[in-house]
Amino acid sequence: MPLFPNTPVEKMTEPYHRRWWALLVLCLSLLIVVMANTSLIVAAPDMTKDLGLSSSDLQWVIDGYTVPYAALMLVLGAIGDKYSRRGALVLGLLIFAGGSVMGGLVDETNLVITARAIMGVGAAVVMPATLSLLVAMFPRAERARAITAWSATSGLAIAVGPLTAGWLLENHAWGSTFLVNVPIAVLGVIGALLLVPPSKAEGMGRIDYGGGLLSIVSVGCLVYAVIEGPHFGWGTGPITAAVVAGVGLLAFVAWELKHPNPMLDVRKFTERPFGGSMMAVLFFFFGTFGSIYYSTQFLQFVLGYNALETGIRLLPLAGSVFVGAAVTGKLAPKLGVKLVVGTGMVIGTVGVFLLTRIDSGSTYTDFVASLLLLGFAIGLSLSPATDTIMGSFPESELGVGGGANDTALELGASLGIAILGSLLATSYKDKLTDLVGGHLPAEALDTAKDSVGGGIAVAEHVAKNPQGGAEQAQTLLGAVHESFAHAIAHTSLIGGIIMAAGTLIVIAVLPGRKHTTQHGAEEGTPATEEQTETVGA
């Protein structure tokens, strides 16, 4: 048995015998890519204090990772298909590790944002490579279980990121939350070389770089506009980006429809299994990431938990992800994608709506039910949706399939944090103005309205000021807590309504099991055995 697997998956006459060990490598690689986003949620207060970040700076420290990550996945997935999926995984991990080293060592805001962008590029290489390698290695009969493990890892990382960051921040500076990625990435590289076989698409043809460029411009500008506009106002930059994104999307569709070998066959979106599953992934991560974003802030700023305590309190979400994954492995083959994914989205929507009960007297226990439902919903629905998306692509386009799935995931998360975060900020400002608008100097009021952290800082300053005192500080602190709780309840109501609408759309679009297995493809042609298994799994 060779130390390094050299036989390409495409040349093997039987399934790769170390595929389950290779899956561990893929899941480990996925884990650190998703953790890089979620760990920053609890590291943000320390970074803000140490670097003197404004709200705009902090937003771009977070989203400097998101823009290249979302914009590049489709193109880099195609490049991995063409040349080497394993090579893409290794290269992406090395780029990610390099950005992590830079982020852990620099102490200037623009350099931290640059480091996060480099990490985002690495993540955009890694993410689609993990899915394309998984699908290439596993036979159809085992693929659903493998994708379930992959999906559960995504959910696990949502909770493990804050927990790991919190543990590190107990005794180390915020730079440690970057540097911890390095040994894990190196372990992933070694594991990829020792356990993951080479793989690439056969007979793929030339890459559609024109379509790739249009997709980068469209998605990149869309994510930029979604991040910048709601938070900092729809000025010239966000409006221009939104217009370019719209024009670019139309140009991308027109180009792909005419191209003989398109980067992404946009006709797939008219196929109900693919289109419905893509919308399910997008709406799911919209609600989940948005809810966790502001729930975590409540735990830290209102309830006063430190980073580690906050991470520990997100563990119910991780545990329920695994329960949902175990359930979907048994139910999805019997009930079909529509019923399982639809049920999961209903449960996730209920989880968001439960947060409308939050008020200034709420404790951690008021968040537990929501975390459990959101985690269970992720575990239940993400795997069959992802399996359906990947099953819609031929072997030569697995990287593109992974890129499409992951773009929907990242775009949903970005929209959730940006849109719900903006609603949260507006509701918080309006409520705080109503409560204390006439009792604070204009400058102090502006600082307090900027964020819940700013409000607490102003209350601390009032407590130390001889003209203020403990009583006034406590009154202001109570107003800040009440305003933020009100903002969470109001935002969750709107987020829940959006999730409910998305659930109805997904249920309407996804075909029923009977329809799919009897009628096959959307065009009315008989379904092959593999197509039937894909949409019915």
Protein backbone atom coordinates (compact mmCIF):
# COMPACT_ATOMS: atom_id res chain seq x y z
CA MET A 1 0.00 0.00 0.00
CA PRO A 2 1.65 3.30 -1.08
CA LEU A 3 2.15 5.99 1.56
CA PHE A 4 0.75 8.66 -0.74
CA PRO A 5 -2.36 7.81 -2.80
CA ASN A 6 -1.34 8.41 -6.42
CA THR A 7 -4.10 6.70 -8.39
CA PRO A 8 -6.72 9.25 -9.47
CA VAL A 9 -10.25 8.51 -8.31
CA GLU A 10 -11.35 8.47 -11.95
CA LYS A 11 -8.98 5.56 -12.69
CA MET A 12 -10.04 3.38 -9.75
CA THR A 13 -12.07 0.26 -10.55
CA GLU A 14 -13.65 0.18 -7.08
CA PRO A 15 -14.38 2.75 -4.37
CA TYR A 16 -11.32 4.26 -2.72
CA HIS A 17 -10.63 2.11 0.35
CA ARG A 18 -9.53 4.96 2.65
CA ARG A 19 -12.39 7.26 1.73
CA TRP A 20 -13.77 7.57 5.28
CA TRP A 21 -10.37 8.63 6.59
CA ALA A 22 -10.14 11.09 3.71
CA LEU A 23 -13.54 12.43 4.72
CA LEU A 24 -12.08 13.35 8.12
CA VAL A 25 -9.50 15.50 6.33
CA LEU A 26 -12.22 17.20 4.27
CA CYS A 27 -14.33 17.87 7.37
CA LEU A 28 -11.32 19.23 9.27
CA SER A 29 -10.58 21.60 6.38
CA LEU A 30 -14.20 22.70 6.29
CA LEU A 31 -14.23 23.20 10.05
CA ILE A 32 -11.53 25.87 10.16
CA VAL A 33 -12.95 27.70 7.13
CA VAL A 34 -16.35 28.13 8.81
CA MET A 35 -14.81 28.72 12.25
CA ALA A 36 -12.89 31.68 10.86
CA ASN A 37 -16.22 33.49 10.53
CA THR A 38 -17.91 32.42 13.74
CA SER A 39 -14.91 32.77 16.08
CA LEU A 40 -14.65 36.46 15.28
CA ILE A 41 -18.08 37.05 16.82
CA VAL A 42 -16.67 36.64 20.34
CA ALA A 43 -13.20 38.04 19.54
CA ALA A 44 -14.67 41.30 18.20
CA PRO A 45 -14.89 43.15 21.57
CA ASP A 46 -11.17 42.53 22.32
CA MET A 47 -10.18 43.55 18.80
CA THR A 48 -12.31 46.69 19.00
CA LYS A 49 -10.68 47.74 22.27
CA ASP A 50 -7.11 46.92 21.23
CA LEU A 51 -7.21 48.37 17.70
CA GLY A 52 -9.63 51.22 18.43
CA LEU A 53 -12.01 49.99 15.73
CA SER A 54 -14.95 52.07 14.62
CA SER A 55 -18.17 50.24 13.76
CA SER A 56 -17.19 50.52 10.07
CA ASP A 57 -13.73 49.10 10.78
CA LEU A 58 -15.16 46.18 12.71
CA GLN A 59 -17.67 45.44 9.98
CA TRP A 60 -14.88 45.18 7.41
CA VAL A 61 -12.63 43.14 9.67
CA ILE A 62 -15.49 40.63 9.69
CA ASP A 63 -16.54 40.99 6.05
CA GLY A 64 -13.11 41.38 4.51
CA TYR A 65 -13.23 37.59 4.66
CA THR A 66 -16.72 37.30 3.25
CA VAL A 67 -16.40 39.26 -0.02
CA PRO A 68 -13.59 37.21 -1.68
CA TYR A 69 -14.94 34.03 -0.10
CA ALA A 70 -18.37 34.42 -1.71
CA ALA A 71 -17.19 35.96 -4.99
CA LEU A 72 -14.48 33.47 -5.93
CA MET A 73 -15.91 30.05 -5.01
CA LEU A 74 -17.59 29.32 -8.34
CA VAL A 75 -14.52 30.14 -10.44
CA LEU A 76 -12.01 28.47 -8.14
CA GLY A 77 -14.20 25.38 -7.96
CA ALA A 78 -14.06 25.13 -11.77
CA ILE A 79 -10.28 25.58 -11.75
CA GLY A 80 -9.98 22.79 -9.18
CA ASP A 81 -12.11 20.55 -11.43
CA LYS A 82 -9.88 21.30 -14.41
CA TYR A 83 -6.44 20.85 -12.87
CA SER A 84 -6.53 19.12 -9.47
CA ARG A 85 -9.11 18.99 -6.72
CA ARG A 86 -6.62 17.71 -4.17
CA GLY A 87 -4.12 20.33 -5.32
CA ALA A 88 -6.78 23.01 -4.85
CA LEU A 89 -7.45 21.77 -1.30
CA VAL A 90 -3.75 21.87 -0.38
CA LEU A 91 -3.17 25.26 -2.01
CA GLY A 92 -6.25 26.74 -0.36
CA LEU A 93 -5.17 25.52 3.08
CA LEU A 94 -1.71 27.05 2.60
CA ILE A 95 -3.18 30.41 1.53
CA PHE A 96 -5.56 30.28 4.48
CA ALA A 97 -2.69 29.52 6.87
CA GLY A 98 -0.63 32.39 5.42
CA GLY A 99 -3.47 34.86 5.97
CA SER A 100 -3.93 33.51 9.50
CA VAL A 101 -0.25 34.08 10.33
CA MET A 102 -0.48 37.63 9.03
CA GLY A 103 -3.71 38.34 10.94
CA GLY A 104 -2.22 37.02 14.18
CA LEU A 105 0.92 39.15 14.00
CA VAL A 106 -0.18 42.56 12.68
CA ASP A 107 -1.64 45.31 14.85
CA GLU A 108 -3.00 47.78 12.31
CA THR A 109 -6.61 47.78 11.14
CA ASN A 110 -6.04 47.80 7.37
CA LEU A 111 -3.50 44.99 7.66
CA VAL A 112 -5.95 42.88 9.68
CA ILE A 113 -8.60 43.45 6.99
CA THR A 114 -6.03 42.45 4.33
CA ALA A 115 -5.19 39.30 6.28
CA ARG A 116 -8.87 38.42 6.51
CA ALA A 117 -9.22 38.92 2.74
CA ILE A 118 -6.29 36.54 2.11
CA MET A 119 -7.96 33.99 4.37
CA GLY A 120 -11.16 34.49 2.37
CA VAL A 121 -9.34 33.66 -0.87
CA GLY A 122 -7.97 30.49 0.72
CA ALA A 123 -11.43 29.55 1.98
CA ALA A 124 -12.87 30.07 -1.52
CA VAL A 125 -10.40 27.45 -2.80
CA VAL A 126 -10.93 25.00 0.07
CA MET A 127 -14.74 25.01 0.39
CA PRO A 128 -15.74 23.77 -3.11
CA ALA A 129 -12.76 21.38 -3.17
CA THR A 130 -14.05 19.57 -0.07
CA LEU A 131 -17.45 18.90 -1.65
CA SER A 132 -16.13 17.95 -5.09
CA LEU A 133 -13.60 15.51 -3.59
CA LEU A 134 -16.29 14.01 -1.36
CA VAL A 135 -18.66 13.37 -4.26
CA ALA A 136 -15.84 12.02 -6.43
CA MET A 137 -14.63 9.56 -3.76
CA PHE A 138 -17.90 8.15 -2.49
CA PRO A 139 -20.20 5.84 -4.44
CA ARG A 140 -23.80 6.95 -4.74
CA ALA A 141 -24.97 4.49 -2.07
CA GLU A 142 -22.71 6.10 0.55
CA ARG A 143 -22.72 9.69 -0.62
CA ALA A 144 -25.72 10.87 1.40
CA ARG A 145 -24.06 9.71 4.64
CA ALA A 146 -20.81 11.42 3.71
CA ILE A 147 -22.60 14.67 2.88
CA THR A 148 -24.47 14.40 6.17
CA ALA A 149 -21.11 14.33 7.99
CA TRP A 150 -19.94 17.32 5.90
CA SER A 151 -23.13 19.26 6.69
CA ALA A 152 -22.94 18.42 10.39
CA THR A 153 -19.39 19.81 10.42
CA SER A 154 -20.70 23.12 9.04
CA GLY A 155 -23.21 23.31 11.87
CA LEU A 156 -20.65 22.22 14.45
CA ALA A 157 -18.29 25.01 13.39
CA ILE A 158 -20.97 27.62 14.13
CA ALA A 159 -20.71 26.72 17.83
CA VAL A 160 -17.10 25.49 18.02
CA GLY A 161 -15.71 28.74 16.59
CA PRO A 162 -16.92 30.93 19.47
CA LEU A 163 -16.02 28.23 22.01
CA THR A 164 -12.45 27.91 20.73
CA ALA A 165 -12.01 31.68 20.50
CA GLY A 166 -13.39 32.11 24.01
CA TRP A 167 -11.00 29.51 25.41
CA LEU A 168 -8.03 31.20 23.74
CA LEU A 169 -9.04 34.68 24.86
CA GLU A 170 -9.00 33.57 28.50
CA ASN A 171 -5.18 33.72 28.49
CA HIS A 172 -4.14 35.11 25.11
CA ALA A 173 -4.63 38.17 22.93
CA TRP A 174 -7.10 38.20 20.02
CA GLY A 175 -4.29 37.33 17.60
CA SER A 176 -4.40 33.77 18.94
CA THR A 177 -7.80 33.29 17.28
CA PHE A 178 -5.99 33.69 13.95
CA LEU A 179 -2.89 31.68 14.80
CA VAL A 180 -4.84 28.63 16.02
CA ASN A 181 -5.80 28.02 12.37
CA VAL A 182 -2.20 27.43 11.34
CA PRO A 183 -1.49 24.02 12.94
CA ILE A 184 -4.95 22.80 11.91
CA ALA A 185 -4.32 23.89 8.30
CA VAL A 186 -0.90 22.22 8.30
CA LEU A 187 -2.50 19.04 9.66
CA GLY A 188 -5.06 19.29 6.86
CA VAL A 189 -2.32 19.59 4.23
CA ILE A 190 -0.51 16.54 5.58
CA GLY A 191 -3.75 14.60 5.78
CA ALA A 192 -4.66 15.57 2.21
CA LEU A 193 -1.33 14.31 0.88
CA LEU A 194 -1.50 11.07 2.89
CA LEU A 195 -5.19 10.18 2.63
CA VAL A 196 -6.94 12.08 -0.17
CA PRO A 197 -6.48 10.67 -3.69
CA PRO A 198 -5.92 12.91 -6.69
CA SER A 199 -9.00 13.83 -8.69
CA LYS A 200 -9.89 16.04 -11.61
CA ALA A 201 -12.56 16.24 -14.27
CA GLU A 202 -12.06 14.25 -17.44
CA GLY A 203 -12.90 15.85 -20.76
CA MET A 204 -13.89 19.11 -19.15
CA GLY A 205 -12.77 21.41 -21.97
CA ARG A 206 -11.75 25.04 -21.65
CA ILE A 207 -12.81 27.01 -18.60
CA ASP A 208 -15.32 29.76 -19.25
CA TYR A 209 -13.24 32.59 -17.83
CA GLY A 210 -15.58 35.24 -19.26
CA GLY A 211 -18.48 33.84 -17.28
CA GLY A 212 -16.17 33.42 -14.30
CA LEU A 213 -15.19 37.09 -14.38
CA LEU A 214 -18.83 38.16 -14.61
CA SER A 215 -19.71 35.95 -11.64
CA ILE A 216 -16.89 37.43 -9.56
CA VAL A 217 -17.97 41.00 -10.34
CA SER A 218 -21.67 40.26 -9.77
CA VAL A 219 -21.36 38.35 -6.50
CA GLY A 220 -18.54 40.53 -5.15
CA CYS A 221 -20.46 43.77 -5.80
CA LEU A 222 -23.68 42.27 -4.43
CA VAL A 223 -22.03 41.19 -1.18
CA TYR A 224 -20.29 44.58 -0.87
CA ALA A 225 -23.56 46.46 -1.36
CA VAL A 226 -25.40 44.21 1.09
CA ILE A 227 -22.70 44.77 3.72
CA GLU A 228 -22.04 48.48 3.22
CA GLY A 229 -25.49 49.87 2.39
CA PRO A 230 -27.63 48.69 5.35
CA HIS A 231 -24.93 49.49 7.92
CA PHE A 232 -23.45 52.77 6.69
CA GLY A 233 -26.04 54.27 4.37
CA TRP A 234 -26.82 53.95 0.70
CA GLY A 235 -24.26 56.40 -0.58
CA THR A 236 -22.53 56.43 -3.95
CA GLY A 237 -20.41 53.34 -3.27
CA PRO A 238 -23.15 50.87 -2.24
CA ILE A 239 -25.60 52.12 -4.87
CA THR A 240 -22.97 51.82 -7.60
CA ALA A 241 -22.06 48.33 -6.40
CA ALA A 242 -25.73 47.28 -6.40
CA VAL A 243 -26.21 48.57 -9.96
CA VAL A 244 -23.04 46.84 -11.16
CA ALA A 245 -24.18 43.63 -9.45
CA GLY A 246 -27.57 43.77 -11.20
CA VAL A 247 -26.11 44.53 -14.62
CA GLY A 248 -23.38 41.94 -14.09
CA LEU A 249 -25.93 39.27 -13.15
CA LEU A 250 -27.95 39.92 -16.30
CA ALA A 251 -24.77 39.84 -18.38
CA PHE A 252 -23.70 36.60 -16.67
CA VAL A 253 -27.02 34.90 -17.45
CA ALA A 254 -26.95 36.08 -21.09
CA TRP A 255 -23.33 34.95 -21.48
CA GLU A 256 -23.89 31.55 -19.93
CA LEU A 257 -26.99 30.87 -22.04
CA LYS A 258 -25.01 31.43 -25.23
CA HIS A 259 -21.68 29.89 -24.21
CA PRO A 260 -21.05 26.35 -25.53
CA ASN A 261 -19.26 25.34 -22.32
CA PRO A 262 -20.64 27.64 -19.58
CA MET A 263 -19.09 28.09 -16.16
CA LEU A 264 -22.52 27.41 -14.65
CA ASP A 265 -25.46 26.19 -16.69
CA VAL A 266 -28.04 28.69 -15.45
CA ARG A 267 -30.82 26.53 -16.90
CA LYS A 268 -30.37 24.38 -13.80
CA PHE A 269 -32.21 27.01 -11.80
CA THR A 270 -35.36 26.10 -13.71
CA GLU A 271 -35.04 22.51 -12.44
CA ARG A 272 -37.14 22.33 -9.31
CA PRO A 273 -34.88 20.05 -7.20
CA PHE A 274 -31.81 22.24 -7.83
CA GLY A 275 -33.55 25.62 -7.61
CA GLY A 276 -35.50 24.70 -4.49
CA SER A 277 -32.44 23.30 -2.73
CA MET A 278 -30.36 26.38 -3.53
CA MET A 279 -33.06 28.63 -2.07
CA ALA A 280 -33.31 26.39 0.99
CA VAL A 281 -29.57 26.74 1.71
CA LEU A 282 -29.69 30.51 1.20
CA PHE A 283 -32.73 31.11 3.43
CA PHE A 284 -31.46 28.70 6.07
CA PHE A 285 -28.17 30.48 6.61
CA PHE A 286 -29.87 33.86 6.36
CA GLY A 287 -31.93 33.09 9.45
CA THR A 288 -29.34 31.06 11.33
CA PHE A 289 -26.35 33.39 11.04
CA GLY A 290 -28.46 36.51 11.59
CA SER A 291 -30.00 35.06 14.77
CA ILE A 292 -26.70 33.80 16.18
CA TYR A 293 -25.07 37.15 15.38
CA TYR A 294 -27.36 39.14 17.67
CA SER A 295 -28.02 36.40 20.21
CA THR A 296 -24.29 36.20 20.89
CA GLN A 297 -24.16 39.96 21.43
CA PHE A 298 -26.98 39.74 23.99
CA LEU A 299 -25.13 36.99 25.88
CA GLN A 300 -21.96 39.08 25.98
CA PHE A 301 -23.13 42.66 26.37
CA VAL A 302 -26.41 42.32 28.27
CA LEU A 303 -25.93 39.15 30.30
CA GLY A 304 -22.22 39.86 30.79
CA TYR A 305 -20.77 36.49 29.77
CA ASN A 306 -17.14 36.52 28.71
CA ALA A 307 -15.95 34.98 25.44
CA LEU A 308 -15.47 31.46 26.83
CA GLU A 309 -18.77 31.47 28.71
CA THR A 310 -20.53 32.61 25.54
CA GLY A 311 -18.92 29.84 23.50
CA ILE A 312 -19.97 27.22 26.04
CA ARG A 313 -23.55 28.45 25.89
CA LEU A 314 -23.67 27.90 22.13
CA LEU A 315 -22.93 24.19 22.56
CA PRO A 316 -26.62 23.15 22.57
CA LEU A 317 -26.72 24.31 18.96
CA ALA A 318 -23.80 22.03 18.05
CA GLY A 319 -25.31 19.06 19.84
CA SER A 320 -28.67 19.46 18.17
CA VAL A 321 -26.97 19.67 14.76
CA PHE A 322 -25.71 16.13 15.27
CA VAL A 323 -29.13 14.94 16.41
CA GLY A 324 -30.69 16.45 13.29
CA ALA A 325 -28.00 14.87 11.09
CA ALA A 326 -28.66 11.45 12.62
CA VAL A 327 -32.39 11.84 12.05
CA THR A 328 -32.06 12.99 8.44
CA GLY A 329 -29.89 9.99 7.63
CA LYS A 330 -32.85 7.76 8.47
CA LEU A 331 -35.75 9.91 7.29
CA ALA A 332 -34.54 11.48 4.04
CA PRO A 333 -34.31 8.20 2.06
CA LYS A 334 -37.85 7.30 3.15
CA LEU A 335 -39.63 10.64 3.01
CA GLY A 336 -37.76 12.51 0.28
CA VAL A 337 -36.12 15.91 0.06
CA LYS A 338 -39.24 18.08 0.00
CA LEU A 339 -40.72 16.82 3.25
CA VAL A 340 -37.43 16.69 5.17
CA VAL A 341 -36.09 20.05 3.99
CA GLY A 342 -39.50 21.70 4.37
CA THR A 343 -39.88 20.35 7.91
CA GLY A 344 -36.41 21.56 8.81
CA MET A 345 -37.16 25.04 7.50
CA VAL A 346 -40.39 25.18 9.50
CA ILE A 347 -38.48 24.20 12.66
CA GLY A 348 -35.78 26.80 11.94
CA THR A 349 -38.43 29.47 11.38
CA VAL A 350 -40.01 28.64 14.74
CA GLY A 351 -36.54 28.94 16.30
CA VAL A 352 -36.21 32.49 14.95
CA PHE A 353 -39.73 33.46 16.04
CA LEU A 354 -39.02 32.29 19.60
CA LEU A 355 -36.55 35.16 19.93
CA THR A 356 -39.42 37.63 19.68
CA ARG A 357 -40.04 36.85 23.38
CA ILE A 358 -36.71 38.39 24.44
CA ASP A 359 -36.93 41.38 26.78
CA SER A 360 -34.62 43.16 29.20
CA GLY A 361 -35.32 40.54 31.87
CA SER A 362 -34.46 37.56 29.69
CA THR A 363 -31.76 35.11 30.74
CA TYR A 364 -29.76 32.48 28.90
CA THR A 365 -32.53 29.93 29.28
CA ASP A 366 -34.72 32.07 27.02
CA PHE A 367 -32.25 31.42 24.20
CA VAL A 368 -31.79 27.67 24.67
CA ALA A 369 -34.96 26.54 22.86
CA SER A 370 -34.11 28.73 19.86
CA LEU A 371 -30.54 27.38 19.70
CA LEU A 372 -31.78 23.79 19.92
CA LEU A 373 -34.33 24.27 17.15
CA LEU A 374 -31.93 26.10 14.85
CA GLY A 375 -29.26 23.43 15.31
CA PHE A 376 -31.69 20.57 14.76
CA ALA A 377 -33.04 22.28 11.64
CA ILE A 378 -29.55 22.68 10.18
CA GLY A 379 -28.74 19.03 10.81
CA LEU A 380 -32.06 17.90 9.35
CA SER A 381 -32.19 20.00 6.17
CA LEU A 382 -28.72 21.00 5.01
CA SER A 383 -27.54 17.51 4.05
CA PRO A 384 -30.40 16.53 1.71
CA ALA A 385 -30.39 19.98 0.12
CA THR A 386 -26.63 19.82 -0.50
CA ASP A 387 -26.90 16.23 -1.75
CA THR A 388 -29.55 17.32 -4.25
CA ILE A 389 -27.46 20.26 -5.46
CA MET A 390 -24.36 18.13 -5.96
CA GLY A 391 -26.38 15.38 -7.65
CA SER A 392 -27.47 17.93 -10.27
CA PHE A 393 -23.93 18.21 -11.66
CA PRO A 394 -21.97 15.75 -13.79
CA GLU A 395 -18.56 14.49 -12.65
CA SER A 396 -16.79 17.11 -14.73
CA GLU A 397 -18.48 19.96 -12.82
CA LEU A 398 -18.32 18.83 -9.18
CA GLY A 399 -16.18 21.80 -8.18
CA VAL A 400 -18.67 24.15 -9.81
CA GLY A 401 -21.47 22.35 -7.95
CA GLY A 402 -19.63 22.78 -4.67
CA GLY A 403 -19.01 26.43 -5.51
CA ALA A 404 -22.71 27.00 -6.27
CA ASN A 405 -23.80 25.34 -3.01
CA ASP A 406 -21.24 27.22 -0.95
CA THR A 407 -21.99 30.55 -2.62
CA ALA A 408 -25.65 30.15 -1.63
CA LEU A 409 -24.54 29.30 1.90
CA GLU A 410 -22.17 32.26 2.23
CA LEU A 411 -24.51 34.69 0.50
CA GLY A 412 -27.31 33.67 2.85
CA ALA A 413 -25.07 34.17 5.89
CA SER A 414 -23.92 37.57 4.59
CA LEU A 415 -27.48 38.69 3.91
CA GLY A 416 -28.59 37.50 7.35
CA ILE A 417 -25.87 39.36 9.22
CA ALA A 418 -26.12 42.49 7.06
CA ILE A 419 -29.90 42.86 6.75
CA LEU A 420 -30.91 41.62 10.18
CA GLY A 421 -27.92 43.40 11.72
CA SER A 422 -29.02 46.64 10.09
CA LEU A 423 -32.60 46.20 11.32
CA LEU A 424 -31.22 45.46 14.78
CA ALA A 425 -29.09 48.62 14.80
CA THR A 426 -31.95 50.84 13.59
CA SER A 427 -34.41 49.45 16.12
CA TYR A 428 -31.86 49.82 18.92
CA LYS A 429 -31.12 53.44 18.01
CA ASP A 430 -34.79 54.40 17.79
CA LYS A 431 -35.69 52.79 21.12
CA LEU A 432 -32.69 54.24 22.97
CA THR A 433 -33.47 57.70 21.59
CA ASP A 434 -37.00 57.41 22.91
CA LEU A 435 -35.76 56.38 26.36
CA VAL A 436 -32.80 58.71 26.98
CA GLY A 437 -32.71 61.10 24.03
CA GLY A 438 -33.27 64.19 26.17
CA HIS A 439 -30.99 63.18 29.03
CA LEU A 440 -27.58 62.82 27.37
CA PRO A 441 -25.27 65.27 25.59
CA ALA A 442 -25.44 64.88 21.81
CA GLU A 443 -21.95 63.36 21.51
CA ALA A 444 -22.56 60.82 24.26
CA LEU A 445 -25.96 59.94 22.78
CA ASP A 446 -24.40 59.34 19.35
CA THR A 447 -21.83 57.01 20.91
CA ALA A 448 -24.48 55.15 22.88
CA LYS A 449 -26.68 54.74 19.79
CA ASP A 450 -23.81 53.39 17.67
CA SER A 451 -23.95 49.94 19.30
CA VAL A 452 -24.86 48.18 22.52
CA GLY A 453 -21.15 48.12 23.35
CA GLY A 454 -21.01 51.88 22.87
CA GLY A 455 -24.00 52.33 25.15
CA ILE A 456 -22.36 50.30 27.91
CA ALA A 457 -19.14 52.30 27.51
CA VAL A 458 -21.05 55.57 27.90
CA ALA A 459 -22.77 54.21 31.03
CA GLU A 460 -19.36 53.32 32.49
CA HIS A 461 -18.12 56.84 31.74
CA VAL A 462 -21.20 58.37 33.40
CA ALA A 463 -20.55 56.26 36.50
CA LYS A 464 -17.04 57.72 36.82
CA ASN A 465 -18.12 61.28 36.10
CA PRO A 466 -18.82 63.40 39.23
CA GLN A 467 -21.74 65.05 37.39
CA GLY A 468 -23.26 61.65 36.70
CA GLY A 469 -22.90 58.99 39.33
CA ALA A 470 -23.92 55.40 39.84
CA GLU A 471 -27.68 56.04 39.77
CA GLN A 472 -27.65 57.81 36.41
CA ALA A 473 -25.26 55.21 35.01
CA GLN A 474 -27.55 52.40 36.11
CA THR A 475 -30.54 54.14 34.54
CA LEU A 476 -28.67 54.50 31.25
CA LEU A 477 -27.46 50.90 31.39
CA GLY A 478 -31.03 49.71 31.93
CA ALA A 479 -32.15 51.75 28.93
CA VAL A 480 -29.37 50.25 26.79
CA HIS A 481 -30.34 46.72 27.81
CA GLU A 482 -34.04 47.38 27.23
CA SER A 483 -33.34 48.93 23.82
CA PHE A 484 -31.20 46.03 22.69
CA ALA A 485 -33.69 43.43 23.91
CA HIS A 486 -36.45 45.32 22.07
CA ALA A 487 -34.28 45.37 18.95
CA ILE A 488 -33.73 41.59 19.10
CA ALA A 489 -37.47 40.92 19.47
CA HIS A 490 -38.34 43.30 16.62
CA THR A 491 -35.60 41.97 14.32
CA SER A 492 -36.55 38.36 15.05
CA LEU A 493 -40.13 39.10 14.06
CA ILE A 494 -39.03 40.41 10.67
CA GLY A 495 -36.42 37.67 10.27
CA GLY A 496 -39.02 35.04 11.11
CA ILE A 497 -41.43 36.46 8.54
CA ILE A 498 -38.69 36.36 5.88
CA MET A 499 -37.84 32.79 6.88
CA ALA A 500 -41.53 31.80 6.75
CA ALA A 501 -41.88 33.29 3.28
CA GLY A 502 -38.74 31.47 2.18
CA THR A 503 -40.08 28.22 3.61
CA LEU A 504 -43.31 28.53 1.62
CA ILE A 505 -41.34 29.27 -1.56
CA VAL A 506 -39.02 26.30 -1.05
CA ILE A 507 -41.92 23.93 -0.33
CA ALA A 508 -43.71 25.17 -3.45
CA VAL A 509 -40.64 24.79 -5.68
CA LEU A 510 -39.26 21.44 -4.50
CA PRO A 511 -41.00 18.55 -6.27
CA GLY A 512 -42.70 15.83 -4.28
CA ARG A 513 -41.13 12.40 -4.12
CA LYS A 514 -43.91 10.80 -6.17
CA HIS A 515 -43.72 13.45 -8.88
CA THR A 516 -39.94 13.23 -9.09
CA THR A 517 -39.62 9.48 -9.20
CA GLN A 518 -42.44 9.08 -11.70
CA HIS A 519 -41.67 11.93 -14.02
CA GLY A 520 -37.92 12.32 -13.70
CA ALA A 521 -36.28 15.41 -15.13
CA GLU A 522 -38.12 18.66 -15.50
CA GLU A 523 -38.24 18.34 -19.28
CA GLY A 524 -40.34 15.24 -18.93
CA THR A 525 -37.64 12.73 -19.82
CA PRO A 526 -37.46 9.55 -17.75
CA ALA A 527 -35.24 9.84 -14.71
CA THR A 528 -32.13 7.73 -14.54
CA GLU A 529 -31.60 5.61 -11.44
CA GLU A 530 -29.05 8.12 -10.16
CA GLN A 531 -31.37 11.09 -10.70
CA THR A 532 -34.15 9.31 -8.83
CA GLU A 533 -31.86 8.57 -5.89
CA THR A 534 -30.52 12.12 -5.85
CA VAL A 535 -33.83 13.92 -5.54
CA GLY A 536 -35.46 11.30 -3.42
CA ALA A 537 -32.65 10.83 -0.91
